[in-house]
Amino acid sequence: MKTMPLYALAHARSGDKGDGSNVGVIAYDRPSYEILKEQLTPEKVKKHFRGIVFGEVRRYELPNLMALNFLLGESLGGSGSASLKTDAQGKTHGMAMLRMEIEVPEGYQPPPAGTGGAIAPDGELGGV
């Protein structure tokens, strides 16, 4: 196994849900999604966000989108309108998640940058 930043395998979107933030992690391709399902556990996410997330971390799988959705409980200091935090809506939590280092198999190569992992019908790599 070797380590790699999460952003090499996926992109993310985030926002607020009351006193918690919501982070969606979308894999670039199917092999990356399979790695994320194994490696991106609620426990590892909570450890990565220690000092920010004080509640439960819940994970939801969306296999048809090759995505994982995380709810980070008690991470916004009360909610968007009540919080004194600089990022009271959790918009930066997606980028922070992408900075995680995860383990990947030694032979794994992420999709080429800018391709989004898409394969055109003729077998050529193409943008998404």
C-alpha atoms as a PDB file:
ATOM      1  CA  MET A   1       0.000   0.000   0.000  1.00  0.00           C
ATOM      2  CA  LYS A   2       1.005   3.609  -0.559  1.00  0.00           C
ATOM      3  CA  THR A   3      -0.597   6.909   0.431  1.00  0.00           C
ATOM      4  CA  MET A   4      -2.065   9.527  -1.863  1.00  0.00           C
ATOM      5  CA  PRO A   5      -4.056  12.734  -1.322  1.00  0.00           C
ATOM      6  CA  LEU A   6      -7.793  12.244  -1.687  1.00  0.00           C
ATOM      7  CA  TYR A   7      -7.934  14.977  -4.341  1.00  0.00           C
ATOM      8  CA  ALA A   8      -6.085  12.635  -6.743  1.00  0.00           C
ATOM      9  CA  LEU A   9      -9.085  10.264  -6.644  1.00  0.00           C
ATOM     10  CA  ALA A  10     -12.083  12.559  -6.231  1.00  0.00           C
ATOM     11  CA  HIS A  11     -13.564  16.015  -5.999  1.00  0.00           C
ATOM     12  CA  ALA A  12     -15.869  17.339  -3.268  1.00  0.00           C
ATOM     13  CA  ARG A  13     -18.743  19.713  -2.529  1.00  0.00           C
ATOM     14  CA  SER A  14     -19.757  20.916   0.895  1.00  0.00           C
ATOM     15  CA  GLY A  15     -22.230  23.093   2.723  1.00  0.00           C
ATOM     16  CA  ASP A  16     -24.224  23.421   5.914  1.00  0.00           C
ATOM     17  CA  LYS A  17     -26.993  21.368   7.465  1.00  0.00           C
ATOM     18  CA  GLY A  18     -27.931  23.128  10.720  1.00  0.00           C
ATOM     19  CA  ASP A  19     -25.051  22.683  13.172  1.00  0.00           C
ATOM     20  CA  GLY A  20     -23.368  20.177  10.888  1.00  0.00           C
ATOM     21  CA  SER A  21     -21.693  20.295   7.545  1.00  0.00           C
ATOM     22  CA  ASN A  22     -22.363  18.087   4.574  1.00  0.00           C
ATOM     23  CA  VAL A  23     -19.451  16.881   2.409  1.00  0.00           C
ATOM     24  CA  GLY A  24     -19.998  14.954  -0.797  1.00  0.00           C
ATOM     25  CA  VAL A  25     -16.944  13.152  -2.194  1.00  0.00           C
ATOM     26  CA  ILE A  26     -17.305  12.115  -5.836  1.00  0.00           C
ATOM     27  CA  ALA A  27     -14.803   9.649  -7.309  1.00  0.00           C
ATOM     28  CA  TYR A  28     -13.320  10.280 -10.744  1.00  0.00           C
ATOM     29  CA  ASP A  29     -13.725   6.648 -11.803  1.00  0.00           C
ATOM     30  CA  ARG A  30     -14.981   3.255 -10.580  1.00  0.00           C
ATOM     31  CA  PRO A  31     -11.591   1.972  -9.268  1.00  0.00           C
ATOM     32  CA  SER A  32     -11.223   5.169  -7.210  1.00  0.00           C
ATOM     33  CA  TYR A  33     -14.755   4.780  -5.835  1.00  0.00           C
ATOM     34  CA  GLU A  34     -13.992   1.229  -4.672  1.00  0.00           C
ATOM     35  CA  ILE A  35     -10.913   2.512  -2.820  1.00  0.00           C
ATOM     36  CA  LEU A  36     -12.921   5.341  -1.261  1.00  0.00           C
ATOM     37  CA  LYS A  37     -15.593   2.942  -0.006  1.00  0.00           C
ATOM     38  CA  GLU A  38     -12.916   0.969   1.793  1.00  0.00           C
ATOM     39  CA  GLN A  39     -10.644   3.759   3.002  1.00  0.00           C
ATOM     40  CA  LEU A  40     -12.887   6.765   3.664  1.00  0.00           C
ATOM     41  CA  THR A  41     -14.570   5.585   6.856  1.00  0.00           C
ATOM     42  CA  PRO A  42     -16.494   7.774   9.308  1.00  0.00           C
ATOM     43  CA  GLU A  43     -13.789   7.077  11.902  1.00  0.00           C
ATOM     44  CA  LYS A  44     -10.977   8.275   9.612  1.00  0.00           C
ATOM     45  CA  VAL A  45     -12.960  11.356   8.597  1.00  0.00           C
ATOM     46  CA  LYS A  46     -13.665  12.239  12.237  1.00  0.00           C
ATOM     47  CA  LYS A  47      -9.963  11.852  13.076  1.00  0.00           C
ATOM     48  CA  HIS A  48      -9.023  14.076  10.118  1.00  0.00           C
ATOM     49  CA  PHE A  49     -11.425  16.781  11.344  1.00  0.00           C
ATOM     50  CA  ARG A  50     -10.490  16.534  15.044  1.00  0.00           C
ATOM     51  CA  GLY A  51     -10.857  19.918  16.651  1.00  0.00           C
ATOM     52  CA  ILE A  52     -13.613  20.858  14.171  1.00  0.00           C
ATOM     53  CA  VAL A  53     -16.137  17.996  14.298  1.00  0.00           C
ATOM     54  CA  PHE A  54     -17.452  17.328  17.795  1.00  0.00           C
ATOM     55  CA  GLY A  55     -20.459  15.176  16.889  1.00  0.00           C
ATOM     56  CA  GLU A  56     -21.113  11.996  14.982  1.00  0.00           C
ATOM     57  CA  VAL A  57     -19.828  11.484  11.438  1.00  0.00           C
ATOM     58  CA  ARG A  58     -22.340   9.612   9.262  1.00  0.00           C
ATOM     59  CA  ARG A  59     -21.561   8.229   5.803  1.00  0.00           C
ATOM     60  CA  TYR A  60     -24.007   7.498   3.005  1.00  0.00           C
ATOM     61  CA  GLU A  61     -23.052   5.610  -0.158  1.00  0.00           C
ATOM     62  CA  LEU A  62     -24.335   6.692  -3.569  1.00  0.00           C
ATOM     63  CA  PRO A  63     -22.923   3.999  -5.891  1.00  0.00           C
ATOM     64  CA  ASN A  64     -24.778   5.212  -8.979  1.00  0.00           C
ATOM     65  CA  LEU A  65     -22.920   8.534  -8.621  1.00  0.00           C
ATOM     66  CA  MET A  66     -19.662   6.924  -7.419  1.00  0.00           C
ATOM     67  CA  ALA A  67     -19.992   9.191  -4.378  1.00  0.00           C
ATOM     68  CA  LEU A  68     -19.948   9.162  -0.609  1.00  0.00           C
ATOM     69  CA  ASN A  69     -21.845  11.757   1.402  1.00  0.00           C
ATOM     70  CA  PHE A  70     -20.703  12.633   4.914  1.00  0.00           C
ATOM     71  CA  LEU A  71     -22.633  14.508   7.581  1.00  0.00           C
ATOM     72  CA  LEU A  72     -20.216  16.066  10.064  1.00  0.00           C
ATOM     73  CA  GLY A  73     -22.212  16.630  13.248  1.00  0.00           C
ATOM     74  CA  GLU A  74     -21.570  19.600  15.520  1.00  0.00           C
ATOM     75  CA  SER A  75     -19.016  21.146  13.186  1.00  0.00           C
ATOM     76  CA  LEU A  76     -20.365  24.670  12.658  1.00  0.00           C
ATOM     77  CA  GLY A  77     -20.620  26.177  16.122  1.00  0.00           C
ATOM     78  CA  GLY A  78     -24.415  26.312  16.300  1.00  0.00           C
ATOM     79  CA  SER A  79     -25.506  26.883  12.676  1.00  0.00           C
ATOM     80  CA  GLY A  80     -24.843  29.327   9.858  1.00  0.00           C
ATOM     81  CA  SER A  81     -26.671  32.235  11.452  1.00  0.00           C
ATOM     82  CA  ALA A  82     -25.683  31.504  15.070  1.00  0.00           C
ATOM     83  CA  SER A  83     -22.013  30.648  14.653  1.00  0.00           C
ATOM     84  CA  LEU A  84     -19.029  32.885  15.248  1.00  0.00           C
ATOM     85  CA  LYS A  85     -16.842  30.681  13.031  1.00  0.00           C
ATOM     86  CA  THR A  86     -15.264  32.182   9.926  1.00  0.00           C
ATOM     87  CA  ASP A  87     -16.806  29.435   7.780  1.00  0.00           C
ATOM     88  CA  ALA A  88     -20.200  29.056   9.441  1.00  0.00           C
ATOM     89  CA  GLN A  89     -21.635  27.284   6.376  1.00  0.00           C
ATOM     90  CA  GLY A  90     -18.951  24.588   6.020  1.00  0.00           C
ATOM     91  CA  LYS A  91     -17.969  25.620   2.487  1.00  0.00           C
ATOM     92  CA  THR A  92     -14.288  24.883   3.132  1.00  0.00           C
ATOM     93  CA  HIS A  93     -14.893  21.435   4.628  1.00  0.00           C
ATOM     94  CA  GLY A  94     -14.890  19.828   1.169  1.00  0.00           C
ATOM     95  CA  MET A  95     -11.440  21.202   0.374  1.00  0.00           C
ATOM     96  CA  ALA A  96     -10.230  20.184   3.825  1.00  0.00           C
ATOM     97  CA  MET A  97     -11.509  16.645   3.224  1.00  0.00           C
ATOM     98  CA  LEU A  98      -9.611  16.458  -0.088  1.00  0.00           C
ATOM     99  CA  ARG A  99      -6.356  17.077   1.785  1.00  0.00           C
ATOM    100  CA  MET A 100      -6.702  13.723   3.566  1.00  0.00           C
ATOM    101  CA  GLU A 101      -4.050  11.135   2.792  1.00  0.00           C
ATOM    102  CA  ILE A 102      -5.554   7.732   2.062  1.00  0.00           C
ATOM    103  CA  GLU A 103      -4.053   4.323   1.392  1.00  0.00           C
ATOM    104  CA  VAL A 104      -4.251   2.944  -2.124  1.00  0.00           C
ATOM    105  CA  PRO A 105      -2.886  -0.300  -3.595  1.00  0.00           C
ATOM    106  CA  GLU A 106       0.744  -0.071  -4.702  1.00  0.00           C
ATOM    107  CA  GLY A 107      -0.162  -0.424  -8.413  1.00  0.00           C
ATOM    108  CA  TYR A 108      -3.034   2.081  -8.373  1.00  0.00           C
ATOM    109  CA  GLN A 109      -2.709   5.044 -10.730  1.00  0.00           C
ATOM    110  CA  PRO A 110      -5.290   7.838 -10.507  1.00  0.00           C
ATOM    111  CA  PRO A 111      -6.992   9.033 -13.699  1.00  0.00           C
ATOM    112  CA  PRO A 112      -4.992  11.619 -15.668  1.00  0.00           C
ATOM    113  CA  ALA A 113      -5.601  15.180 -14.502  1.00  0.00           C
ATOM    114  CA  GLY A 114      -8.424  16.914 -16.315  1.00  0.00           C
ATOM    115  CA  THR A 115     -10.072  13.750 -17.620  1.00  0.00           C
ATOM    116  CA  GLY A 116     -12.393  13.159 -14.709  1.00  0.00           C
ATOM    117  CA  GLY A 117     -11.751   9.488 -15.366  1.00  0.00           C
ATOM    118  CA  ALA A 118     -14.170   9.486 -18.310  1.00  0.00           C
ATOM    119  CA  ILE A 119     -13.588   7.019 -21.126  1.00  0.00           C
ATOM    120  CA  ALA A 120     -15.093   7.886 -24.514  1.00  0.00           C
ATOM    121  CA  PRO A 121     -16.900   5.160 -26.517  1.00  0.00           C
ATOM    122  CA  ASP A 122     -13.803   4.697 -28.691  1.00  0.00           C
ATOM    123  CA  GLY A 123     -11.706   3.931 -25.590  1.00  0.00           C
ATOM    124  CA  GLU A 124      -9.923   7.274 -25.525  1.00  0.00           C
ATOM    125  CA  LEU A 125      -9.803   9.361 -22.380  1.00  0.00           C
ATOM    126  CA  GLY A 126     -12.124  12.322 -22.515  1.00  0.00           C
ATOM    127  CA  GLY A 127     -13.199  15.212 -20.322  1.00  0.00           C
ATOM    128  CA  VAL A 128     -16.376  15.228 -18.337  1.00  0.00           C
END
